[in-house]
Amino acid sequence: MDLGLTGKLAVVTGGSKGIGLGVARAFAREGANVLITARTKEAVEAAAAEIGADFGVKAGAVVSDIASADGCQAVIDAARAFGGADVFVSNAGTGSNETVAEATDGKWQYYWDLHVMAAVRLSRGLADQIEAKGGGAMLMNASICAVQPLWYEPIYNTTKAALLMFSKTLSTEMIKRGIRVNTVNPGLIRTPDWENTARDLAGQEWEAYLQEVADEHADIKRFGTVDELADFCVFLCSPKASYSVGSAYHVDGGMLKTT
């Protein structure tokens, strides 16, 4: 299926590894140019170079911390210099591990800035570019934790829930400008971070540990692959999903226990 993305520019935050890298590669596979962001210069530049070489598209890298206003502005400026964004995927983020009683104000603020304010600032800053090019799409990568929280990640749960609501609210405003906004809520996706956590917790039995997690939480009894999620995200951002506005999609292998 031709998704109609050839020559478009997709901006993907947190694009040097894991889900973000998978999404960027999936866009490039469809012929889209990509602009990826991350904090680590070597990693993000290497990822962009590999995408460009593998798929023959233009692939740029922005070294920035999007938890800051300046970091977001650097991405907006880079996208403009690249010809203007057609698609924005807000993906950068990471898990937390704390109790409400012990978490500091500083930790709450950092995750708020990373998960919520980055999406606010980048959506606001990239909207003019997307509208000027005839419209496009924005996609927020939240989490199943936005609706089914884990007890040991109260900050992550809360900020991802806020991102989900922001996306819904934003969708009503942006569709008037020809920009579709949706949210994806992944469940268990086998990323390098999950594998590293499993190694830390289970040593040589790390793969068995991952299987135990999948058996406990996902009806499908396995982790999803990055490619499975990435392909879904790219479809949602394509003209083939043109009637999808303000929706939240759970890509979770049956992990969600409500309707």
Protein backbone atom coordinates (compact mmCIF):
# COMPACT_ATOMS: atom_id res chain seq x y z
CA MET A 1 0.00 0.00 0.00
CA ASP A 2 1.33 3.44 -0.93
CA LEU A 3 0.74 5.61 2.13
CA GLY A 4 1.27 8.86 0.25
CA LEU A 5 4.24 10.01 2.32
CA THR A 6 6.94 10.24 -0.34
CA GLY A 7 8.86 13.49 -0.02
CA LYS A 8 7.08 14.56 3.19
CA LEU A 9 9.07 15.62 6.23
CA ALA A 10 8.43 13.74 9.48
CA VAL A 11 9.83 15.20 12.70
CA VAL A 12 10.33 12.51 15.35
CA THR A 13 11.57 13.30 18.85
CA GLY A 14 13.62 10.75 20.74
CA GLY A 15 14.59 9.33 17.37
CA SER A 16 18.03 7.88 18.05
CA LYS A 17 16.89 4.57 19.55
CA GLY A 18 13.95 2.39 20.47
CA ILE A 19 10.47 3.34 19.34
CA GLY A 20 11.51 6.72 17.96
CA LEU A 21 14.18 5.22 15.76
CA GLY A 22 11.77 2.55 14.58
CA VAL A 23 9.16 5.17 13.69
CA ALA A 24 11.70 7.29 11.83
CA ARG A 25 12.89 4.27 9.85
CA ALA A 26 9.31 3.32 9.02
CA PHE A 27 8.66 6.81 7.65
CA ALA A 28 11.84 6.62 5.59
CA ARG A 29 10.82 3.21 4.27
CA GLU A 30 7.71 4.94 2.89
CA GLY A 31 9.84 7.54 1.14
CA ALA A 32 9.47 10.33 3.69
CA ASN A 33 12.35 12.53 4.74
CA VAL A 34 12.97 12.54 8.47
CA LEU A 35 14.32 14.88 11.10
CA ILE A 36 15.14 13.14 14.37
CA THR A 37 16.07 14.61 17.72
CA ALA A 38 17.92 13.36 20.79
CA ARG A 39 20.28 14.69 23.43
CA THR A 40 23.33 12.60 22.50
CA LYS A 41 25.16 14.00 19.48
CA GLU A 42 26.94 10.84 18.39
CA ALA A 43 23.84 8.65 18.64
CA VAL A 44 21.41 10.91 16.84
CA GLU A 45 23.81 11.82 14.05
CA ALA A 46 24.72 8.16 13.50
CA ALA A 47 21.05 7.16 13.42
CA ALA A 48 20.24 9.87 10.86
CA ALA A 49 23.17 8.90 8.67
CA GLU A 50 22.12 5.25 8.73
CA ILE A 51 18.52 6.09 7.83
CA GLY A 52 19.66 8.19 4.90
CA ALA A 53 21.99 5.48 3.64
CA ASP A 54 19.48 2.66 4.07
CA PHE A 55 16.50 4.33 2.40
CA GLY A 56 17.91 7.04 0.15
CA VAL A 57 15.95 9.85 1.81
CA LYS A 58 17.05 13.08 3.44
CA ALA A 59 17.63 12.46 7.12
CA GLY A 60 18.62 15.20 9.53
CA ALA A 61 19.62 15.21 13.18
CA VAL A 62 19.00 17.79 15.88
CA VAL A 63 20.96 17.60 19.12
CA SER A 64 18.61 19.07 21.70
CA ASP A 65 17.03 18.56 25.10
CA ILE A 66 13.36 19.08 24.38
CA ALA A 67 12.57 19.25 28.09
CA SER A 68 13.64 22.88 27.68
CA ALA A 69 12.09 25.69 25.67
CA ASP A 70 15.39 26.33 23.90
CA GLY A 71 15.66 22.67 22.94
CA CYS A 72 12.20 22.73 21.40
CA GLN A 73 12.98 25.91 19.50
CA ALA A 74 16.07 24.29 18.03
CA VAL A 75 13.87 21.51 16.60
CA ILE A 76 11.35 23.99 15.20
CA ASP A 77 14.11 26.02 13.56
CA ALA A 78 15.75 22.92 12.10
CA ALA A 79 12.45 21.73 10.62
CA ARG A 80 11.90 25.11 9.01
CA ALA A 81 15.39 25.03 7.51
CA PHE A 82 14.66 21.50 6.24
CA GLY A 83 11.70 22.80 4.25
CA GLY A 84 8.98 22.62 6.88
CA ALA A 85 7.33 19.74 8.71
CA ASP A 86 4.42 17.71 7.36
CA VAL A 87 4.21 15.31 10.29
CA PHE A 88 5.19 15.61 13.96
CA VAL A 89 5.57 12.58 16.24
CA SER A 90 6.02 13.44 19.92
CA ASN A 91 7.87 10.37 21.14
CA ALA A 92 10.68 11.42 23.49
CA GLY A 93 10.22 10.18 27.04
CA THR A 94 11.24 7.64 29.58
CA GLY A 95 9.87 5.72 32.53
CA SER A 96 10.12 6.79 36.15
CA ASN A 97 10.42 4.83 39.36
CA GLU A 98 9.32 6.38 42.65
CA THR A 99 6.60 6.72 45.22
CA VAL A 100 4.46 9.80 45.59
CA ALA A 101 5.75 10.22 49.14
CA GLU A 102 9.40 10.21 48.10
CA ALA A 103 9.41 11.91 44.68
CA THR A 104 10.85 15.42 44.71
CA ASP A 105 9.30 18.48 43.11
CA GLY A 106 12.26 18.56 40.73
CA LYS A 107 11.53 15.07 39.41
CA TRP A 108 7.87 15.91 38.89
CA GLN A 109 8.83 19.07 37.02
CA TYR A 110 11.36 17.32 34.78
CA TYR A 111 8.89 14.69 33.61
CA TRP A 112 6.19 17.33 33.11
CA ASP A 113 8.56 19.29 30.90
CA LEU A 114 9.69 16.20 28.97
CA HIS A 115 6.33 14.49 28.42
CA VAL A 116 3.90 17.40 28.33
CA MET A 117 5.53 20.77 27.73
CA ALA A 118 7.73 19.41 24.94
CA ALA A 119 4.58 18.29 23.12
CA VAL A 120 2.90 21.64 23.79
CA ARG A 121 5.85 23.70 22.58
CA LEU A 122 6.60 21.60 19.53
CA SER A 123 2.98 21.28 18.46
CA ARG A 124 2.55 25.04 18.75
CA GLY A 125 5.79 25.75 16.92
CA LEU A 126 5.40 23.22 14.11
CA ALA A 127 1.72 23.83 13.40
CA ASP A 128 2.38 26.84 11.17
CA GLN A 129 4.80 24.81 9.07
CA ILE A 130 2.39 21.90 8.66
CA GLU A 131 -0.53 24.19 7.83
CA ALA A 132 1.54 26.11 5.29
CA LYS A 133 2.27 22.86 3.45
CA GLY A 134 -1.41 22.02 3.12
CA GLY A 135 -1.96 20.18 6.38
CA GLY A 136 -0.70 16.94 7.84
CA ALA A 137 -0.66 15.04 11.10
CA MET A 138 0.58 15.02 14.66
CA LEU A 139 0.87 11.89 16.79
CA MET A 140 1.48 11.73 20.54
CA ASN A 141 3.14 8.60 21.87
CA ALA A 142 1.63 8.30 25.34
CA SER A 143 1.38 4.90 27.05
CA ILE A 144 -1.07 2.34 28.31
CA CYS A 145 -0.07 3.83 31.68
CA ALA A 146 -2.11 6.91 30.74
CA VAL A 147 -5.24 4.84 31.37
CA GLN A 148 -4.01 1.79 33.31
CA PRO A 149 -1.37 2.99 35.77
CA LEU A 150 1.51 1.08 37.30
CA TRP A 151 1.85 1.68 41.03
CA TYR A 152 5.60 2.29 40.93
CA GLU A 153 5.50 5.02 38.25
CA PRO A 154 3.14 7.71 39.55
CA ILE A 155 4.91 10.53 37.73
CA TYR A 156 5.01 8.66 34.42
CA ASN A 157 1.34 7.68 34.78
CA THR A 158 0.29 11.24 35.51
CA THR A 159 2.29 12.98 32.81
CA LYS A 160 1.29 10.46 30.16
CA ALA A 161 -2.36 10.89 31.13
CA ALA A 162 -1.89 14.63 30.73
CA LEU A 163 -0.33 14.07 27.29
CA LEU A 164 -3.34 11.99 26.29
CA MET A 165 -5.74 14.77 27.29
CA PHE A 166 -3.58 17.42 25.63
CA SER A 167 -3.69 15.45 22.39
CA LYS A 168 -7.47 15.18 22.52
CA THR A 169 -7.85 18.89 23.19
CA LEU A 170 -5.30 19.81 20.54
CA SER A 171 -7.10 17.71 17.94
CA THR A 172 -10.19 19.91 18.09
CA GLU A 173 -8.13 23.03 17.49
CA MET A 174 -5.81 21.66 14.85
CA ILE A 175 -8.33 19.96 12.58
CA LYS A 176 -9.58 23.44 11.68
CA ARG A 177 -6.10 24.01 10.23
CA GLY A 178 -6.01 20.76 8.31
CA ILE A 179 -3.89 18.95 10.90
CA ARG A 180 -5.05 15.62 12.34
CA VAL A 181 -3.96 14.82 15.89
CA ASN A 182 -4.13 11.34 17.43
CA THR A 183 -2.55 9.39 20.27
CA VAL A 184 -1.03 5.93 20.46
CA ASN A 185 -0.86 4.12 23.80
CA PRO A 186 1.67 1.27 23.54
CA GLY A 187 1.73 -1.63 25.94
CA LEU A 188 4.77 -3.92 26.16
CA ILE A 189 7.13 -3.04 23.30
CA ARG A 190 10.50 -4.78 23.22
CA THR A 191 12.95 -1.90 23.19
CA PRO A 192 16.63 -1.80 24.18
CA ASP A 193 15.58 -0.17 27.46
CA TRP A 194 13.33 -3.12 28.32
CA GLU A 195 16.12 -5.56 27.45
CA ASN A 196 18.64 -3.66 29.58
CA THR A 197 16.22 -3.59 32.50
CA ALA A 198 15.67 -7.34 32.18
CA ARG A 199 19.43 -7.99 32.17
CA ASP A 200 19.85 -5.85 35.28
CA LEU A 201 17.08 -7.71 37.10
CA ALA A 202 17.55 -11.27 35.86
CA GLY A 203 21.09 -11.59 34.51
CA GLN A 204 21.48 -14.49 32.06
CA GLU A 205 17.79 -15.34 32.50
CA TRP A 206 16.71 -11.98 31.12
CA GLU A 207 14.75 -13.40 28.19
CA ALA A 208 12.81 -15.67 30.52
CA TYR A 209 12.08 -12.63 32.66
CA LEU A 210 10.64 -10.77 29.67
CA GLN A 211 8.46 -13.77 28.89
CA GLU A 212 7.17 -13.77 32.45
CA VAL A 213 6.27 -10.10 32.13
CA ALA A 214 4.45 -10.78 28.87
CA ASP A 215 2.64 -13.79 30.30
CA GLU A 216 1.42 -11.72 33.24
CA HIS A 217 0.32 -8.59 31.42
CA ALA A 218 -0.42 -9.21 27.74
CA ASP A 219 -3.16 -11.53 26.52
CA ILE A 220 -1.10 -12.19 23.39
CA LYS A 221 1.68 -13.54 25.66
CA ARG A 222 4.55 -11.67 24.06
CA PHE A 223 6.08 -8.25 23.69
CA GLY A 224 5.28 -6.25 20.59
CA THR A 225 8.14 -5.39 18.28
CA VAL A 226 9.22 -1.85 17.59
CA ASP A 227 8.39 -2.40 13.91
CA GLU A 228 4.83 -3.49 14.71
CA LEU A 229 4.22 -0.26 16.61
CA ALA A 230 6.12 1.91 14.14
CA ASP A 231 4.12 0.68 11.15
CA PHE A 232 0.90 1.48 12.99
CA CYS A 233 2.14 4.98 13.86
CA VAL A 234 3.16 5.76 10.29
CA PHE A 235 -0.21 4.61 8.96
CA LEU A 236 -2.00 6.93 11.42
CA CYS A 237 0.08 9.85 10.18
CA SER A 238 -0.60 9.07 6.53
CA PRO A 239 -3.44 10.28 4.27
CA LYS A 240 -4.78 6.71 4.38
CA ALA A 241 -5.98 7.45 7.94
CA SER A 242 -7.60 10.73 6.90
CA TYR A 243 -10.78 10.26 8.97
CA SER A 244 -8.96 9.52 12.23
CA VAL A 245 -9.08 12.65 14.39
CA GLY A 246 -8.68 12.94 18.15
CA SER A 247 -8.56 9.20 18.74
CA ALA A 248 -6.45 7.13 21.11
CA TYR A 249 -5.27 3.71 19.94
CA HIS A 250 -4.08 1.03 22.35
CA VAL A 251 -1.37 -1.08 20.75
CA ASP A 252 -0.95 -3.44 23.65
CA GLY A 253 -1.58 -7.09 22.81
CA GLY A 254 -4.62 -7.16 25.11
CA MET A 255 -2.91 -5.59 28.11
CA LEU A 256 -5.67 -3.03 28.70
CA LYS A 257 -8.30 -4.54 30.99
CA THR A 258 -11.13 -2.11 30.23
CA THR A 259 -12.98 -1.15 27.06
